[in-house]
C-alpha atoms as a PDB file:
ATOM      1  CA  UNK A   1     -29.740  -3.115  -0.432  1.00  0.00           C
ATOM      2  CA  UNK A   2     -27.486  -0.286   1.228  1.00  0.00           C
ATOM      3  CA  UNK A   3     -24.676   0.093   3.638  1.00  0.00           C
ATOM      4  CA  UNK A   4     -21.468   1.703   4.487  1.00  0.00           C
ATOM      5  CA  UNK A   5     -17.595   0.839   4.442  1.00  0.00           C
ATOM      6  CA  UNK A   6     -15.706   3.217   6.632  1.00  0.00           C
ATOM      7  CA  UNK A   7     -11.875   2.434   5.557  1.00  0.00           C
ATOM      8  CA  UNK A   8      -9.061   3.413   8.017  1.00  0.00           C
ATOM      9  CA  UNK A   9      -5.877   3.771   5.758  1.00  0.00           C
ATOM     10  CA  UNK A  10      -2.158   4.945   6.469  1.00  0.00           C
ATOM     11  CA  UNK A  11       0.157   5.323   3.648  1.00  0.00           C
ATOM     12  CA  UNK A  12       2.994   3.785   5.571  1.00  0.00           C
ATOM     13  CA  UNK A  13       1.055   0.381   4.904  1.00  0.00           C
ATOM     14  CA  UNK A  14       1.399  -1.248   1.418  1.00  0.00           C
ATOM     15  CA  UNK A  15      -1.873  -3.188   2.280  1.00  0.00           C
ATOM     16  CA  UNK A  16      -3.788  -0.110   2.721  1.00  0.00           C
ATOM     17  CA  UNK A  17      -2.587   1.008  -0.733  1.00  0.00           C
ATOM     18  CA  UNK A  18      -4.091  -2.519  -1.945  1.00  0.00           C
ATOM     19  CA  UNK A  19      -7.255  -1.817  -0.340  1.00  0.00           C
ATOM     20  CA  UNK A  20      -7.614   1.762  -1.670  1.00  0.00           C
ATOM     21  CA  UNK A  21      -6.897   0.587  -5.247  1.00  0.00           C
ATOM     22  CA  UNK A  22      -9.375  -2.608  -4.892  1.00  0.00           C
ATOM     23  CA  UNK A  23     -12.340  -0.201  -3.429  1.00  0.00           C
ATOM     24  CA  UNK A  24     -11.561   2.008  -6.168  1.00  0.00           C
ATOM     25  CA  UNK A  25     -11.921  -0.650  -8.842  1.00  0.00           C
ATOM     26  CA  UNK A  26     -15.327  -1.530  -7.303  1.00  0.00           C
ATOM     27  CA  UNK A  27     -16.548   1.890  -6.342  1.00  0.00           C
ATOM     28  CA  UNK A  28     -19.096   2.004  -9.435  1.00  0.00           C
ATOM     29  CA  UNK A  29     -20.463  -1.322  -8.406  1.00  0.00           C
ATOM     30  CA  UNK A  30     -20.712  -0.683  -4.653  1.00  0.00           C
ATOM     31  CA  UNK A  31     -22.645   2.846  -5.381  1.00  0.00           C
ATOM     32  CA  UNK A  32     -24.866   0.888  -7.475  1.00  0.00           C
ATOM     33  CA  UNK A  33     -25.992  -0.780  -4.528  1.00  0.00           C
ATOM     34  CA  UNK A  34     -26.215   2.175  -2.319  1.00  0.00           C
ATOM     35  CA  UNK A  35     -23.005   1.072  -0.468  1.00  0.00           C
ATOM     36  CA  UNK A  36     -21.164   4.251   0.763  1.00  0.00           C
ATOM     37  CA  UNK A  37     -17.269   4.246   1.141  1.00  0.00           C
ATOM     38  CA  UNK A  38     -15.600   6.978   3.647  1.00  0.00           C
ATOM     39  CA  UNK A  39     -11.719   6.706   3.486  1.00  0.00           C
ATOM     40  CA  UNK A  40     -10.404   8.074   6.778  1.00  0.00           C
ATOM     41  CA  UNK A  41      -6.570   8.799   7.205  1.00  0.00           C
ATOM     42  CA  UNK A  42      -5.204   7.360  10.615  1.00  0.00           C
ATOM     43  CA  UNK A  43      -1.713   7.152  12.088  1.00  0.00           C
ATOM     44  CA  UNK A  44      -0.578   3.470  12.265  1.00  0.00           C
ATOM     45  CA  UNK A  45       1.861   4.047  14.649  1.00  0.00           C
ATOM     46  CA  UNK A  46      -0.623   5.059  17.083  1.00  0.00           C
ATOM     47  CA  UNK A  47      -3.015   2.047  16.283  1.00  0.00           C
ATOM     48  CA  UNK A  48       0.297  -0.214  17.000  1.00  0.00           C
ATOM     49  CA  UNK A  49       0.813   1.271  20.406  1.00  0.00           C
ATOM     50  CA  UNK A  50      -2.815   1.550  21.447  1.00  0.00           C
ATOM     51  CA  UNK A  51      -3.613  -1.949  20.630  1.00  0.00           C
ATOM     52  CA  UNK A  52      -0.172  -3.302  21.609  1.00  0.00           C
ATOM     53  CA  UNK A  53       0.346  -4.778  18.015  1.00  0.00           C
ATOM     54  CA  UNK A  54       3.851  -5.067  16.615  1.00  0.00           C
ATOM     55  CA  UNK A  55       4.880  -4.573  13.056  1.00  0.00           C
ATOM     56  CA  UNK A  56       5.427  -7.774  11.074  1.00  0.00           C
ATOM     57  CA  UNK A  57       8.796  -6.920  10.400  1.00  0.00           C
ATOM     58  CA  UNK A  58       9.802  -6.846  13.898  1.00  0.00           C
ATOM     59  CA  UNK A  59       9.122 -10.755  14.342  1.00  0.00           C
ATOM     60  CA  UNK A  60      11.416 -12.797  12.155  1.00  0.00           C
ATOM     61  CA  UNK A  61       8.840 -15.401  11.436  1.00  0.00           C
ATOM     62  CA  UNK A  62       6.221 -12.668   9.998  1.00  0.00           C
ATOM     63  CA  UNK A  63       8.904 -10.812   8.427  1.00  0.00           C
ATOM     64  CA  UNK A  64      10.078 -14.013   6.370  1.00  0.00           C
ATOM     65  CA  UNK A  65       6.720 -14.761   5.359  1.00  0.00           C
ATOM     66  CA  UNK A  66       5.811 -11.137   4.514  1.00  0.00           C
ATOM     67  CA  UNK A  67       8.400 -11.174   1.800  1.00  0.00           C
ATOM     68  CA  UNK A  68       6.289 -13.890  -0.121  1.00  0.00           C
ATOM     69  CA  UNK A  69       2.926 -12.499   0.637  1.00  0.00           C
ATOM     70  CA  UNK A  70       3.790  -8.769  -0.215  1.00  0.00           C
ATOM     71  CA  UNK A  71       4.929 -10.378  -3.708  1.00  0.00           C
ATOM     72  CA  UNK A  72       1.791 -12.250  -4.281  1.00  0.00           C
ATOM     73  CA  UNK A  73      -0.312  -9.252  -3.330  1.00  0.00           C
ATOM     74  CA  UNK A  74       1.294  -6.679  -5.576  1.00  0.00           C
ATOM     75  CA  UNK A  75       0.795  -8.797  -8.615  1.00  0.00           C
ATOM     76  CA  UNK A  76      -2.573  -9.444  -7.868  1.00  0.00           C
ATOM     77  CA  UNK A  77      -3.406  -5.745  -6.951  1.00  0.00           C
ATOM     78  CA  UNK A  78      -1.889  -4.707 -10.156  1.00  0.00           C
ATOM     79  CA  UNK A  79       0.894  -2.906  -8.838  1.00  0.00           C
ATOM     80  CA  UNK A  80       4.038  -5.264  -9.682  1.00  0.00           C
ATOM     81  CA  UNK A  81       6.613  -2.568  -9.501  1.00  0.00           C
ATOM     82  CA  UNK A  82       5.973  -1.950  -5.998  1.00  0.00           C
ATOM     83  CA  UNK A  83       8.981  -2.293  -3.562  1.00  0.00           C
ATOM     84  CA  UNK A  84       9.957  -1.656   0.094  1.00  0.00           C
ATOM     85  CA  UNK A  85      11.724   1.589  -0.071  1.00  0.00           C
ATOM     86  CA  UNK A  86      15.044   1.898   1.645  1.00  0.00           C
ATOM     87  CA  UNK A  87      13.811   4.321   4.403  1.00  0.00           C
ATOM     88  CA  UNK A  88      11.106   2.377   5.508  1.00  0.00           C
ATOM     89  CA  UNK A  89       9.276   2.470   7.734  1.00  0.00           C
ATOM     90  CA  UNK A  90       8.594   6.248   8.020  1.00  0.00           C
ATOM     91  CA  UNK A  91       6.839   8.192  10.653  1.00  0.00           C
ATOM     92  CA  UNK A  92       3.737   9.097   8.561  1.00  0.00           C
ATOM     93  CA  UNK A  93       2.469  11.935  10.534  1.00  0.00           C
ATOM     94  CA  UNK A  94       2.977  14.836   8.012  1.00  0.00           C
ATOM     95  CA  UNK A  95       1.428  13.003   5.000  1.00  0.00           C
ATOM     96  CA  UNK A  96      -1.409  11.626   6.926  1.00  0.00           C
ATOM     97  CA  UNK A  97      -2.358  15.341   8.457  1.00  0.00           C
ATOM     98  CA  UNK A  98      -1.893  16.729   4.976  1.00  0.00           C
ATOM     99  CA  UNK A  99      -4.586  14.147   3.975  1.00  0.00           C
ATOM    100  CA  UNK A 100      -6.854  15.089   6.608  1.00  0.00           C
ATOM    101  CA  UNK A 101      -6.692  18.798   5.419  1.00  0.00           C
ATOM    102  CA  UNK A 102      -7.105  17.776   1.750  1.00  0.00           C
ATOM    103  CA  UNK A 103     -10.011  15.721   2.669  1.00  0.00           C
ATOM    104  CA  UNK A 104     -11.814  18.478   4.192  1.00  0.00           C
ATOM    105  CA  UNK A 105     -10.867  21.297   1.915  1.00  0.00           C
ATOM    106  CA  UNK A 106     -10.347  19.442  -1.628  1.00  0.00           C
ATOM    107  CA  UNK A 107     -12.745  16.433  -1.133  1.00  0.00           C
ATOM    108  CA  UNK A 108     -12.667  15.365  -4.902  1.00  0.00           C
ATOM    109  CA  UNK A 109      -8.899  15.260  -4.978  1.00  0.00           C
ATOM    110  CA  UNK A 110      -8.804  13.496  -1.779  1.00  0.00           C
ATOM    111  CA  UNK A 111      -8.530   9.880  -2.862  1.00  0.00           C
ATOM    112  CA  UNK A 112      -6.629  10.788  -6.065  1.00  0.00           C
ATOM    113  CA  UNK A 113      -4.108  12.449  -3.913  1.00  0.00           C
ATOM    114  CA  UNK A 114      -3.972   9.591  -1.351  1.00  0.00           C
ATOM    115  CA  UNK A 115      -2.905   7.439  -4.207  1.00  0.00           C
ATOM    116  CA  UNK A 116      -0.550   9.912  -5.362  1.00  0.00           C
ATOM    117  CA  UNK A 117       1.219   9.490  -1.965  1.00  0.00           C
ATOM    118  CA  UNK A 118       1.019   5.796  -2.153  1.00  0.00           C
ATOM    119  CA  UNK A 119       2.704   5.390  -5.531  1.00  0.00           C
ATOM    120  CA  UNK A 120       5.418   8.017  -4.627  1.00  0.00           C
ATOM    121  CA  UNK A 121       6.412   6.155  -1.805  1.00  0.00           C
ATOM    122  CA  UNK A 122       5.928   2.642  -2.726  1.00  0.00           C
ATOM    123  CA  UNK A 123       6.723   2.708  -6.430  1.00  0.00           C
ATOM    124  CA  UNK A 124       8.958   5.869  -6.849  1.00  0.00           C
ATOM    125  CA  UNK A 125      10.559   5.276  -3.703  1.00  0.00           C
ATOM    126  CA  UNK A 126       9.858   8.858  -2.301  1.00  0.00           C
ATOM    127  CA  UNK A 127      10.185   9.533   1.451  1.00  0.00           C
ATOM    128  CA  UNK A 128       6.910  11.445   1.843  1.00  0.00           C
ATOM    129  CA  UNK A 129       7.635  12.092   5.404  1.00  0.00           C
ATOM    130  CA  UNK A 130       9.959  14.925   4.330  1.00  0.00           C
ATOM    131  CA  UNK A 131       8.021  18.275   3.575  1.00  0.00           C
ATOM    132  CA  UNK A 132      10.067  18.961   0.526  1.00  0.00           C
ATOM    133  CA  UNK A 133       9.544  15.452  -0.994  1.00  0.00           C
ATOM    134  CA  UNK A 134       5.662  15.534  -0.055  1.00  0.00           C
ATOM    135  CA  UNK A 135       5.573  18.864  -1.715  1.00  0.00           C
ATOM    136  CA  UNK A 136       7.057  17.420  -4.968  1.00  0.00           C
ATOM    137  CA  UNK A 137       3.965  14.864  -4.846  1.00  0.00           C
ATOM    138  CA  UNK A 138       1.176  17.517  -4.138  1.00  0.00           C
ATOM    139  CA  UNK A 139       2.582  19.827  -6.765  1.00  0.00           C
ATOM    140  CA  UNK A 140       1.194  17.563  -9.598  1.00  0.00           C
ATOM    141  CA  UNK A 141      -2.652  18.366  -8.317  1.00  0.00           C
ATOM    142  CA  UNK A 142      -2.242  21.577  -6.557  1.00  0.00           C
ATOM    143  CA  UNK A 143      -1.027  25.051  -7.161  1.00  0.00           C
ATOM    144  CA  UNK A 144       2.086  26.185  -5.742  1.00  0.00           C
ATOM    145  CA  UNK A 145       0.165  28.601  -3.158  1.00  0.00           C
ATOM    146  CA  UNK A 146      -2.211  25.356  -2.493  1.00  0.00           C
ATOM    147  CA  UNK A 147       0.499  23.224  -1.887  1.00  0.00           C
ATOM    148  CA  UNK A 148       2.354  25.394   0.686  1.00  0.00           C
ATOM    149  CA  UNK A 149      -1.090  25.876   2.406  1.00  0.00           C
ATOM    150  CA  UNK A 150      -1.858  22.100   2.871  1.00  0.00           C
ATOM    151  CA  UNK A 151       1.694  21.864   4.357  1.00  0.00           C
ATOM    152  CA  UNK A 152       1.197  24.416   6.638  1.00  0.00           C
ATOM    153  CA  UNK A 153      -2.222  23.512   7.482  1.00  0.00           C
ATOM    154  CA  UNK A 154      -1.026  19.794   8.002  1.00  0.00           C
ATOM    155  CA  UNK A 155       1.159  21.173  11.159  1.00  0.00           C
ATOM    156  CA  UNK A 156      -2.018  22.932  12.503  1.00  0.00           C
ATOM    157  CA  UNK A 157      -3.387  22.004  15.788  1.00  0.00           C
ATOM    158  CA  UNK A 158      -6.839  21.338  13.911  1.00  0.00           C
ATOM    159  CA  UNK A 159      -5.233  18.585  11.572  1.00  0.00           C
ATOM    160  CA  UNK A 160      -3.122  17.241  14.286  1.00  0.00           C
ATOM    161  CA  UNK A 161      -6.350  16.856  16.637  1.00  0.00           C
ATOM    162  CA  UNK A 162      -8.254  15.155  13.670  1.00  0.00           C
ATOM    163  CA  UNK A 163      -5.685  12.758  12.867  1.00  0.00           C
ATOM    164  CA  UNK A 164      -5.481  11.625  16.407  1.00  0.00           C
ATOM    165  CA  UNK A 165      -9.285  11.580  16.709  1.00  0.00           C
ATOM    166  CA  UNK A 166      -9.283   9.426  13.615  1.00  0.00           C
ATOM    167  CA  UNK A 167      -6.700   7.064  15.187  1.00  0.00           C
ATOM    168  CA  UNK A 168      -8.493   6.987  18.443  1.00  0.00           C
ATOM    169  CA  UNK A 169     -11.867   6.228  16.430  1.00  0.00           C
ATOM    170  CA  UNK A 170     -10.291   3.028  14.622  1.00  0.00           C
ATOM    171  CA  UNK A 171      -8.816   1.963  18.175  1.00  0.00           C
ATOM    172  CA  UNK A 172     -12.252   2.147  19.657  1.00  0.00           C
ATOM    173  CA  UNK A 173     -13.601   0.151  16.858  1.00  0.00           C
ATOM    174  CA  UNK A 174     -10.990  -2.570  17.658  1.00  0.00           C
ATOM    175  CA  UNK A 175      -8.415  -1.595  15.215  1.00  0.00           C
ATOM    176  CA  UNK A 176      -4.865  -3.455  15.349  1.00  0.00           C
ATOM    177  CA  UNK A 177      -3.571  -2.433  11.985  1.00  0.00           C
ATOM    178  CA  UNK A 178      -4.515  -1.225   8.633  1.00  0.00           C
ATOM    179  CA  UNK A 179      -6.343  -1.530   6.310  1.00  0.00           C
ATOM    180  CA  UNK A 180      -9.380  -1.458   8.898  1.00  0.00           C
ATOM    181  CA  UNK A 181     -12.847  -1.425   8.065  1.00  0.00           C
ATOM    182  CA  UNK A 182     -15.992  -0.829  10.168  1.00  0.00           C
ATOM    183  CA  UNK A 183     -18.991  -2.117   7.871  1.00  0.00           C
ATOM    184  CA  UNK A 184     -22.597  -1.405   8.270  1.00  0.00           C
ATOM    185  CA  UNK A 185     -25.149  -3.539   6.336  1.00  0.00           C
ATOM    186  CA  UNK A 186     -28.720  -2.547   5.021  1.00  0.00           C
ATOM    187  CA  UNK A 187     -30.118  -4.057   8.359  1.00  0.00           C
ATOM    188  CA  UNK A 188     -27.935  -1.537  10.591  1.00  0.00           C
ATOM    189  CA  UNK A 189     -25.831  -4.373  11.808  1.00  0.00           C
ATOM    190  CA  UNK A 190     -22.147  -3.240  12.238  1.00  0.00           C
ATOM    191  CA  UNK A 191     -18.900  -5.331  11.875  1.00  0.00           C
ATOM    192  CA  UNK A 192     -15.304  -5.021  11.790  1.00  0.00           C
ATOM    193  CA  UNK A 193     -12.966  -6.393   9.023  1.00  0.00           C
ATOM    194  CA  UNK A 194      -9.354  -6.488   8.257  1.00  0.00           C
ATOM    195  CA  UNK A 195      -6.559  -6.531   5.850  1.00  0.00           C
ATOM    196  CA  UNK A 196      -6.931  -6.546   1.778  1.00  0.00           C
ATOM    197  CA  UNK A 197      -8.094 -10.196   1.252  1.00  0.00           C
ATOM    198  CA  UNK A 198     -11.477 -10.108   3.379  1.00  0.00           C
ATOM    199  CA  UNK A 199     -13.487  -8.566   0.867  1.00  0.00           C
ATOM    200  CA  UNK A 200     -15.452 -11.687  -0.063  1.00  0.00           C
ATOM    201  CA  UNK A 201     -16.365 -11.605   3.630  1.00  0.00           C
ATOM    202  CA  UNK A 202     -17.339  -7.953   3.268  1.00  0.00           C
ATOM    203  CA  UNK A 203     -19.662  -8.529   0.336  1.00  0.00           C
ATOM    204  CA  UNK A 204     -21.508 -11.250   2.020  1.00  0.00           C
ATOM    205  CA  UNK A 205     -21.714  -9.380   5.185  1.00  0.00           C
ATOM    206  CA  UNK A 206     -23.352  -6.538   3.043  1.00  0.00           C
ATOM    207  CA  UNK A 207     -25.741  -9.009   1.295  1.00  0.00           C
ATOM    208  CA  UNK A 208     -24.097  -8.234  -2.356  1.00  0.00           C
ATOM    209  CA  UNK A 209     -24.318 -10.399  -5.094  1.00  0.00           C
ATOM    210  CA  UNK A 210     -20.695 -11.662  -6.164  1.00  0.00           C
ATOM    211  CA  UNK A 211     -18.770 -14.483  -7.483  1.00  0.00           C
ATOM    212  CA  UNK A 212     -16.619 -16.400  -5.159  1.00  0.00           C
ATOM    213  CA  UNK A 213     -13.289 -18.134  -6.076  1.00  0.00           C
ATOM    214  CA  UNK A 214     -14.137 -20.862  -8.634  1.00  0.00           C
ATOM    215  CA  UNK A 215     -11.857 -23.809  -9.140  1.00  0.00           C
ATOM    216  CA  UNK A 216     -13.229 -25.747 -12.072  1.00  0.00           C
ATOM    217  CA  UNK A 217     -12.665 -29.390 -12.599  1.00  0.00           C
ATOM    218  CA  UNK A 218      -9.938 -30.187 -14.804  1.00  0.00           C
ATOM    219  CA  UNK A 219     -10.904 -30.014 -18.441  1.00  0.00           C
ATOM    220  CA  UNK A 220     -14.066 -28.197 -17.907  1.00  0.00           C
ATOM    221  CA  UNK A 221     -12.857 -24.767 -17.277  1.00  0.00           C
ATOM    222  CA  UNK A 222     -14.652 -22.109 -19.288  1.00  0.00           C
ATOM    223  CA  UNK A 223     -12.331 -19.876 -21.443  1.00  0.00           C
END
């Protein structure tokens, strides 16, 4: 049994945060079945433009529903204090480009840093698109010279091009939002998946043993 999950995320998306938390909680189990996980920073704004999609808050019905859905999700994924910041949405190019550089130069710290950035924006209410605030977040894991280097390199042609290429790759694989996944199973077959509530479909596609949602008959529930 083997496979690979390529996951495209942007810090501007709370559902990307949920996805990264969930994959992290199941990383050991996935690795035990030889399923690799590759997290790819992308620019969600570019995906929306490239796919013709519109953010949910621009459509009144979606915006109204999202308030219910987001509240349910933040409790389910274990971040009940998550709140939409007053400055939302942000132009996420700087933090996403910084993550591109971190992934190439500090791979062991890439996912922890991604989680730091998510938490800073969605729990602490920091506008991580501002260099001085992103620097504050990065300084908890990196030395001052490393932090300066990350911010400098985030604006380099290489990181700009890599983020653009990542975003284009996601679009070519059908992306219209984040989190977006491209999954390859042990047979070599590949399919896309979308959202933070499709993991049971993903596990089935990968051929993994899992317990689906269970609803026992009243009075017969196992404690």
